[in-house]
Amino acid sequence: MTTENPSRSDFPTTLATPAPAPVRALRQHLALTQVEFGALVRSSGRAAQEWEAGRREMPLGLWELALIKAGLIELGGNPGE
């Protein structure tokens, strides 16, 4: 992970299925490969590839998990505040 602290405005934290660009941006910000990003949210590198290409939507629960693990929202918190 990078040493910079991202702000909430850098990534959409409202709970909605993300578009491919924010998925890629978050993965790159965390300095992870697609395989590592997939593993971070208990999925696969292939799934991460498909989320970023727009061939498959990233499940909302996995997006929320990625945001929690990135420190952008808190567990049990109200995202988007």
Protein backbone atom coordinates (compact mmCIF):
# COMPACT_ATOMS: atom_id res chain seq x y z
CA MET A 1 0.00 0.00 0.00
CA THR A 2 1.11 3.55 -0.55
CA THR A 3 2.07 5.82 2.33
CA GLU A 4 -0.27 8.61 1.25
CA ASN A 5 -3.67 8.83 2.89
CA PRO A 6 -6.34 9.11 0.21
CA SER A 7 -9.26 11.40 0.84
CA ARG A 8 -12.85 10.29 0.56
CA SER A 9 -13.20 12.34 -2.60
CA ASP A 10 -10.57 10.24 -4.42
CA PHE A 11 -12.84 7.19 -4.62
CA PRO A 12 -16.62 6.92 -4.59
CA THR A 13 -17.63 5.63 -1.17
CA THR A 14 -21.37 5.65 -1.67
CA LEU A 15 -22.69 2.14 -1.69
CA ALA A 16 -23.41 1.54 -5.32
CA THR A 17 -21.85 -0.88 -7.75
CA PRO A 18 -18.68 0.85 -8.97
CA ALA A 19 -17.84 1.56 -12.59
CA PRO A 20 -14.62 -0.02 -13.90
CA ALA A 21 -12.48 3.15 -13.52
CA PRO A 22 -12.81 3.49 -9.72
CA VAL A 23 -12.05 -0.22 -9.28
CA ARG A 24 -8.82 0.18 -11.26
CA ALA A 25 -7.98 3.47 -9.51
CA LEU A 26 -8.37 1.91 -6.06
CA ARG A 27 -6.28 -1.13 -7.01
CA GLN A 28 -3.53 1.06 -8.45
CA HIS A 29 -3.62 3.37 -5.43
CA LEU A 30 -3.06 0.34 -3.21
CA ALA A 31 -0.20 -0.71 -5.52
CA LEU A 32 -1.69 -4.17 -6.01
CA THR A 33 -1.77 -6.45 -9.01
CA GLN A 34 -5.15 -7.69 -10.19
CA VAL A 35 -4.42 -11.05 -8.54
CA GLU A 36 -3.54 -9.35 -5.25
CA PHE A 37 -6.60 -7.11 -5.42
CA GLY A 38 -8.84 -10.10 -6.08
CA ALA A 39 -7.32 -11.90 -3.09
CA LEU A 40 -7.78 -8.80 -0.93
CA VAL A 41 -11.55 -9.15 -1.35
CA ARG A 42 -11.54 -12.96 -1.36
CA SER A 43 -12.06 -13.25 -5.10
CA SER A 44 -9.81 -14.01 -8.06
CA GLY A 45 -7.45 -12.09 -10.29
CA ARG A 46 -9.64 -13.02 -13.23
CA ALA A 47 -12.65 -11.43 -11.55
CA ALA A 48 -10.64 -8.25 -10.89
CA GLN A 49 -9.64 -8.23 -14.56
CA GLU A 50 -13.29 -8.47 -15.61
CA TRP A 51 -14.40 -5.74 -13.17
CA GLU A 52 -11.81 -3.36 -14.58
CA ALA A 53 -12.70 -4.23 -18.18
CA GLY A 54 -16.41 -3.68 -17.53
CA ARG A 55 -17.31 -7.23 -18.53
CA ARG A 56 -18.63 -7.94 -15.05
CA GLU A 57 -19.87 -5.71 -12.23
CA MET A 58 -17.95 -5.85 -8.97
CA PRO A 59 -20.39 -7.05 -6.32
CA LEU A 60 -21.40 -4.30 -3.95
CA GLY A 61 -20.28 -6.24 -0.87
CA LEU A 62 -16.80 -6.74 -2.31
CA TRP A 63 -16.53 -3.05 -3.21
CA GLU A 64 -17.49 -2.16 0.36
CA LEU A 65 -14.89 -4.65 1.67
CA ALA A 66 -12.21 -3.11 -0.57
CA LEU A 67 -13.06 0.38 0.72
CA ILE A 68 -12.93 -0.83 4.34
CA LYS A 69 -9.57 -2.54 3.81
CA ALA A 70 -8.25 0.58 2.08
CA GLY A 71 -9.28 2.64 5.13
CA LEU A 72 -11.72 4.79 3.18
CA ILE A 73 -14.79 3.78 5.17
CA GLU A 74 -15.15 2.25 8.61
CA LEU A 75 -16.69 -1.09 9.38
CA GLY A 76 -20.28 -0.48 10.40
CA GLY A 77 -19.97 3.17 9.42
CA ASN A 78 -22.24 5.10 7.15
CA PRO A 79 -20.39 5.59 3.85
CA GLY A 80 -20.67 8.81 1.96
CA GLU A 81 -20.89 11.03 5.03
